[in-house]
Amino acid sequence: MKRVITVTRSQREFLAKAFGVTKEMVSYALNFHPVKGQSDLAKKIRSLAVQRGGFGDGSYERGGA
């Protein structure tokens, strides 16, 4: 099953501004891209996304990232 963290468009924009990255980087992080979505920065983006109400299949919240 493909892992993904779902957030609203405004949340994606907030994450991009908060970390000073592009919307593409936020997308890579939230979609667990096999290369670009595995960095420490991507993990921080996912963590903040979940804290701000993002949701997925539950594996990330249980420590599956």
PDB file of N, CA and C in Angstrom:
ATOM      1  N   MET A   1       0.837  -1.179   0.000  1.00  0.00           N
ATOM      2  CA  MET A   1       0.000   0.000   0.000  1.00  0.00           C
ATOM      3  C   MET A   1       0.886   1.247   0.000  1.00  0.00           C
ATOM      4  N   LYS A   2       0.545   2.201  -0.819  1.00  0.00           N
ATOM      5  CA  LYS A   2       1.305   3.445  -0.906  1.00  0.00           C
ATOM      6  C   LYS A   2       0.992   4.328   0.303  1.00  0.00           C
ATOM      7  N   ARG A   3       2.051   4.812   0.952  1.00  0.00           N
ATOM      8  CA  ARG A   3       1.870   5.696   2.100  1.00  0.00           C
ATOM      9  C   ARG A   3       1.784   7.136   1.633  1.00  0.00           C
ATOM     10  N   VAL A   4       0.917   7.885   2.268  1.00  0.00           N
ATOM     11  CA  VAL A   4       0.763   9.298   1.945  1.00  0.00           C
ATOM     12  C   VAL A   4       0.142   9.997   3.150  1.00  0.00           C
ATOM     13  N   ILE A   5       0.524  11.236   3.368  1.00  0.00           N
ATOM     14  CA  ILE A   5      -0.100  12.069   4.390  1.00  0.00           C
ATOM     15  C   ILE A   5      -0.905  13.128   3.655  1.00  0.00           C
ATOM     16  N   THR A   6      -2.183  13.191   3.957  1.00  0.00           N
ATOM     17  CA  THR A   6      -3.097  14.102   3.263  1.00  0.00           C
ATOM     18  C   THR A   6      -3.282  15.377   4.073  1.00  0.00           C
ATOM     19  N   VAL A   7      -3.094  16.513   3.405  1.00  0.00           N
ATOM     20  CA  VAL A   7      -3.332  17.828   4.016  1.00  0.00           C
ATOM     21  C   VAL A   7      -4.022  18.710   2.978  1.00  0.00           C
ATOM     22  N   THR A   8      -4.597  19.798   3.442  1.00  0.00           N
ATOM     23  CA  THR A   8      -5.247  20.732   2.533  1.00  0.00           C
ATOM     24  C   THR A   8      -4.204  21.524   1.747  1.00  0.00           C
ATOM     25  N   ARG A   9      -4.651  22.170   0.705  1.00  0.00           N
ATOM     26  CA  ARG A   9      -3.752  22.999  -0.101  1.00  0.00           C
ATOM     27  C   ARG A   9      -3.140  24.118   0.741  1.00  0.00           C
ATOM     28  N   SER A  10      -3.949  24.734   1.604  1.00  0.00           N
ATOM     29  CA  SER A  10      -3.419  25.819   2.435  1.00  0.00           C
ATOM     30  C   SER A  10      -2.378  25.284   3.424  1.00  0.00           C
ATOM     31  N   GLN A  11      -2.553  24.051   3.898  1.00  0.00           N
ATOM     32  CA  GLN A  11      -1.555  23.454   4.784  1.00  0.00           C
ATOM     33  C   GLN A  11      -0.258  23.190   4.029  1.00  0.00           C
ATOM     34  N   ARG A  12      -0.369  22.751   2.775  1.00  0.00           N
ATOM     35  CA  ARG A  12       0.833  22.530   1.953  1.00  0.00           C
ATOM     36  C   ARG A  12       1.591  23.845   1.770  1.00  0.00           C
ATOM     37  N   GLU A  13       0.854  24.924   1.514  1.00  0.00           N
ATOM     38  CA  GLU A  13       1.486  26.232   1.357  1.00  0.00           C
ATOM     39  C   GLU A  13       2.157  26.666   2.657  1.00  0.00           C
ATOM     40  N   PHE A  14       1.481  26.427   3.784  1.00  0.00           N
ATOM     41  CA  PHE A  14       2.063  26.762   5.079  1.00  0.00           C
ATOM     42  C   PHE A  14       3.365  25.996   5.300  1.00  0.00           C
ATOM     43  N   LEU A  15       3.352  24.694   5.021  1.00  0.00           N
ATOM     44  CA  LEU A  15       4.548  23.872   5.207  1.00  0.00           C
ATOM     45  C   LEU A  15       5.704  24.366   4.343  1.00  0.00           C
ATOM     46  N   ALA A  16       5.410  24.725   3.099  1.00  0.00           N
ATOM     47  CA  ALA A  16       6.455  25.229   2.201  1.00  0.00           C
ATOM     48  C   ALA A  16       7.076  26.507   2.760  1.00  0.00           C
ATOM     49  N   LYS A  17       6.230  27.418   3.250  1.00  0.00           N
ATOM     50  CA  LYS A  17       6.741  28.666   3.812  1.00  0.00           C
ATOM     51  C   LYS A  17       7.483  28.420   5.117  1.00  0.00           C
ATOM     52  N   ALA A  18       6.959  27.541   5.958  1.00  0.00           N
ATOM     53  CA  ALA A  18       7.565  27.279   7.262  1.00  0.00           C
ATOM     54  C   ALA A  18       8.982  26.719   7.130  1.00  0.00           C
ATOM     55  N   PHE A  19       9.203  25.891   6.113  1.00  0.00           N
ATOM     56  CA  PHE A  19      10.518  25.274   5.942  1.00  0.00           C
ATOM     57  C   PHE A  19      11.351  25.940   4.849  1.00  0.00           C
ATOM     58  N   GLY A  20      10.780  26.937   4.168  1.00  0.00           N
ATOM     59  CA  GLY A  20      11.529  27.629   3.122  1.00  0.00           C
ATOM     60  C   GLY A  20      11.848  26.732   1.938  1.00  0.00           C
ATOM     61  N   VAL A  21      10.890  25.875   1.578  1.00  0.00           N
ATOM     62  CA  VAL A  21      11.095  24.939   0.469  1.00  0.00           C
ATOM     63  C   VAL A  21       9.988  25.129  -0.570  1.00  0.00           C
ATOM     64  N   THR A  22      10.147  24.449  -1.689  1.00  0.00           N
ATOM     65  CA  THR A  22       9.139  24.535  -2.738  1.00  0.00           C
ATOM     66  C   THR A  22       7.945  23.628  -2.416  1.00  0.00           C
ATOM     67  N   LYS A  23       6.846  23.868  -3.107  1.00  0.00           N
ATOM     68  CA  LYS A  23       5.670  23.009  -2.952  1.00  0.00           C
ATOM     69  C   LYS A  23       5.981  21.592  -3.418  1.00  0.00           C
ATOM     70  N   GLU A  24       6.898  21.467  -4.360  1.00  0.00           N
ATOM     71  CA  GLU A  24       7.287  20.146  -4.844  1.00  0.00           C
ATOM     72  C   GLU A  24       7.964  19.342  -3.734  1.00  0.00           C
ATOM     73  N   MET A  25       8.822  20.012  -2.958  1.00  0.00           N
ATOM     74  CA  MET A  25       9.488  19.316  -1.860  1.00  0.00           C
ATOM     75  C   MET A  25       8.469  18.841  -0.829  1.00  0.00           C
ATOM     76  N   VAL A  26       7.490  19.671  -0.538  1.00  0.00           N
ATOM     77  CA  VAL A  26       6.431  19.271   0.389  1.00  0.00           C
ATOM     78  C   VAL A  26       5.703  18.044  -0.167  1.00  0.00           C
ATOM     79  N   SER A  27       5.438  18.052  -1.451  1.00  0.00           N
ATOM     80  CA  SER A  27       4.784  16.912  -2.079  1.00  0.00           C
ATOM     81  C   SER A  27       5.628  15.652  -1.972  1.00  0.00           C
ATOM     82  N   TYR A  28       6.923  15.763  -2.244  1.00  0.00           N
ATOM     83  CA  TYR A  28       7.826  14.612  -2.109  1.00  0.00           C
ATOM     84  C   TYR A  28       7.767  14.048  -0.687  1.00  0.00           C
ATOM     85  N   ALA A  29       7.790  14.942   0.291  1.00  0.00           N
ATOM     86  CA  ALA A  29       7.785  14.507   1.691  1.00  0.00           C
ATOM     87  C   ALA A  29       6.472  13.814   2.050  1.00  0.00           C
ATOM     88  N   LEU A  30       5.357  14.426   1.682  1.00  0.00           N
ATOM     89  CA  LEU A  30       4.051  13.883   2.078  1.00  0.00           C
ATOM     90  C   LEU A  30       3.688  12.612   1.321  1.00  0.00           C
ATOM     91  N   ASN A  31       4.317  12.410   0.174  1.00  0.00           N
ATOM     92  CA  ASN A  31       4.061  11.202  -0.615  1.00  0.00           C
ATOM     93  C   ASN A  31       5.146  10.146  -0.435  1.00  0.00           C
ATOM     94  N   PHE A  32       6.058  10.369   0.524  1.00  0.00           N
ATOM     95  CA  PHE A  32       7.129   9.416   0.831  1.00  0.00           C
ATOM     96  C   PHE A  32       7.900   9.020  -0.423  1.00  0.00           C
ATOM     97  N   HIS A  33       8.286  10.031  -1.218  1.00  0.00           N
ATOM     98  CA  HIS A  33       9.063   9.784  -2.437  1.00  0.00           C
ATOM     99  C   HIS A  33      10.270   8.910  -2.078  1.00  0.00           C
ATOM    100  N   PRO A  34      10.581   7.882  -2.892  1.00  0.00           N
ATOM    101  CA  PRO A  34      11.645   6.942  -2.532  1.00  0.00           C
ATOM    102  C   PRO A  34      13.037   7.558  -2.398  1.00  0.00           C
ATOM    103  N   VAL A  35      13.300   8.685  -3.030  1.00  0.00           N
ATOM    104  CA  VAL A  35      14.610   9.314  -2.921  1.00  0.00           C
ATOM    105  C   VAL A  35      14.501  10.658  -2.201  1.00  0.00           C
ATOM    106  N   LYS A  36      13.756  11.582  -2.779  1.00  0.00           N
ATOM    107  CA  LYS A  36      13.691  12.940  -2.244  1.00  0.00           C
ATOM    108  C   LYS A  36      12.828  13.053  -0.998  1.00  0.00           C
ATOM    109  N   GLY A  37      12.017  12.062  -0.734  1.00  0.00           N
ATOM    110  CA  GLY A  37      11.134  12.109   0.429  1.00  0.00           C
ATOM    111  C   GLY A  37      11.659  11.377   1.639  1.00  0.00           C
ATOM    112  N   GLN A  38      12.944  11.050   1.658  1.00  0.00           N
ATOM    113  CA  GLN A  38      13.507  10.289   2.767  1.00  0.00           C
ATOM    114  C   GLN A  38      14.532  11.073   3.579  1.00  0.00           C
ATOM    115  N   SER A  39      14.711  12.337   3.285  1.00  0.00           N
ATOM    116  CA  SER A  39      15.700  13.160   4.001  1.00  0.00           C
ATOM    117  C   SER A  39      15.183  13.544   5.387  1.00  0.00           C
ATOM    118  N   ASP A  40      16.085  14.065   6.209  1.00  0.00           N
ATOM    119  CA  ASP A  40      15.686  14.556   7.525  1.00  0.00           C
ATOM    120  C   ASP A  40      14.673  15.682   7.390  1.00  0.00           C
ATOM    121  N   LEU A  41      14.866  16.537   6.392  1.00  0.00           N
ATOM    122  CA  LEU A  41      13.926  17.625   6.159  1.00  0.00           C
ATOM    123  C   LEU A  41      12.540  17.076   5.834  1.00  0.00           C
ATOM    124  N   ALA A  42      12.466  16.058   4.992  1.00  0.00           N
ATOM    125  CA  ALA A  42      11.176  15.457   4.636  1.00  0.00           C
ATOM    126  C   ALA A  42      10.490  14.891   5.874  1.00  0.00           C
ATOM    127  N   LYS A  43      11.259  14.283   6.762  1.00  0.00           N
ATOM    128  CA  LYS A  43      10.691  13.733   7.993  1.00  0.00           C
ATOM    129  C   LYS A  43      10.134  14.843   8.879  1.00  0.00           C
ATOM    130  N   LYS A  44      10.830  15.976   8.923  1.00  0.00           N
ATOM    131  CA  LYS A  44      10.350  17.118   9.702  1.00  0.00           C
ATOM    132  C   LYS A  44       9.060  17.680   9.102  1.00  0.00           C
ATOM    133  N   ILE A  45       9.003  17.743   7.775  1.00  0.00           N
ATOM    134  CA  ILE A  45       7.804  18.229   7.098  1.00  0.00           C
ATOM    135  C   ILE A  45       6.625  17.307   7.427  1.00  0.00           C
ATOM    136  N   ARG A  46       6.834  15.995   7.346  1.00  0.00           N
ATOM    137  CA  ARG A  46       5.764  15.046   7.664  1.00  0.00           C
ATOM    138  C   ARG A  46       5.312  15.181   9.110  1.00  0.00           C
ATOM    139  N   SER A  47       6.265  15.350  10.011  1.00  0.00           N
ATOM    140  CA  SER A  47       5.934  15.479  11.423  1.00  0.00           C
ATOM    141  C   SER A  47       5.051  16.697  11.677  1.00  0.00           C
ATOM    142  N   LEU A  48       5.427  17.836  11.118  1.00  0.00           N
ATOM    143  CA  LEU A  48       4.628  19.043  11.300  1.00  0.00           C
ATOM    144  C   LEU A  48       3.268  18.896  10.626  1.00  0.00           C
ATOM    145  N   ALA A  49       3.226  18.249   9.484  1.00  0.00           N
ATOM    146  CA  ALA A  49       1.949  18.041   8.783  1.00  0.00           C
ATOM    147  C   ALA A  49       0.985  17.249   9.658  1.00  0.00           C
ATOM    148  N   VAL A  50       1.474  16.211  10.311  1.00  0.00           N
ATOM    149  CA  VAL A  50       0.616  15.396  11.181  1.00  0.00           C
ATOM    150  C   VAL A  50       0.189  16.203  12.405  1.00  0.00           C
ATOM    151  N   GLN A  51       1.102  16.985  12.968  1.00  0.00           N
ATOM    152  CA  GLN A  51       0.773  17.818  14.125  1.00  0.00           C
ATOM    153  C   GLN A  51      -0.317  18.820  13.784  1.00  0.00           C
ATOM    154  N   ARG A  52      -0.332  19.274  12.531  1.00  0.00           N
ATOM    155  CA  ARG A  52      -1.309  20.281  12.119  1.00  0.00           C
ATOM    156  C   ARG A  52      -2.560  19.667  11.496  1.00  0.00           C
ATOM    157  N   GLY A  53      -2.771  18.386  11.719  1.00  0.00           N
ATOM    158  CA  GLY A  53      -4.034  17.781  11.297  1.00  0.00           C
ATOM    159  C   GLY A  53      -3.976  16.912  10.065  1.00  0.00           C
ATOM    160  N   GLY A  54      -2.805  16.697   9.510  1.00  0.00           N
ATOM    161  CA  GLY A  54      -2.696  15.814   8.354  1.00  0.00           C
ATOM    162  C   GLY A  54      -2.983  14.380   8.762  1.00  0.00           C
ATOM    163  N   PHE A  55      -3.451  13.595   7.818  1.00  0.00           N
ATOM    164  CA  PHE A  55      -3.760  12.207   8.142  1.00  0.00           C
ATOM    165  C   PHE A  55      -3.375  11.301   6.984  1.00  0.00           C
ATOM    166  N   GLY A  56      -3.186  10.057   7.300  1.00  0.00           N
ATOM    167  CA  GLY A  56      -2.817   9.077   6.290  1.00  0.00           C
ATOM    168  C   GLY A  56      -3.349   7.719   6.677  1.00  0.00           C
ATOM    169  N   ASP A  57      -2.586   6.676   6.377  1.00  0.00           N
ATOM    170  CA  ASP A  57      -3.028   5.318   6.690  1.00  0.00           C
ATOM    171  C   ASP A  57      -2.735   4.943   8.136  1.00  0.00           C
ATOM    172  N   GLY A  58      -2.086   5.814   8.883  1.00  0.00           N
ATOM    173  CA  GLY A  58      -1.799   5.554  10.279  1.00  0.00           C
ATOM    174  C   GLY A  58      -0.404   5.039  10.550  1.00  0.00           C
ATOM    175  N   SER A  59       0.311   4.581   9.528  1.00  0.00           N
ATOM    176  CA  SER A  59       1.636   4.007   9.769  1.00  0.00           C
ATOM    177  C   SER A  59       2.631   5.062  10.241  1.00  0.00           C
ATOM    178  N   TYR A  60       2.499   6.288   9.770  1.00  0.00           N
ATOM    179  CA  TYR A  60       3.440   7.319  10.181  1.00  0.00           C
ATOM    180  C   TYR A  60       3.241   7.666  11.662  1.00  0.00           C
ATOM    181  N   GLU A  61       1.979   7.811  12.090  1.00  0.00           N
ATOM    182  CA  GLU A  61       1.694   8.160  13.460  1.00  0.00           C
ATOM    183  C   GLU A  61       2.167   7.071  14.410  1.00  0.00           C
ATOM    184  N   ARG A  62       2.193   5.806  13.950  1.00  0.00           N
ATOM    185  CA  ARG A  62       2.633   4.697  14.792  1.00  0.00           C
ATOM    186  C   ARG A  62       4.146   4.515  14.730  1.00  0.00           C
ATOM    187  N   GLY A  63       4.834   5.377  13.996  1.00  0.00           N
ATOM    188  CA  GLY A  63       6.276   5.287  13.922  1.00  0.00           C
ATOM    189  C   GLY A  63       6.762   4.519  12.710  1.00  0.00           C
ATOM    190  N   GLY A  64       5.930   4.389  11.689  1.00  0.00           N
ATOM    191  CA  GLY A  64       6.296   3.626  10.512  1.00  0.00           C
ATOM    192  C   GLY A  64       7.123   4.381   9.504  1.00  0.00           C
ATOM    193  N   ALA A  65       7.460   5.621   9.783  1.00  0.00           N
ATOM    194  CA  ALA A  65       8.215   6.397   8.798  1.00  0.00           C
ATOM    195  C   ALA A  65       9.627   6.065   8.886  1.00  0.00           C
TER     196      ALA A  65
END
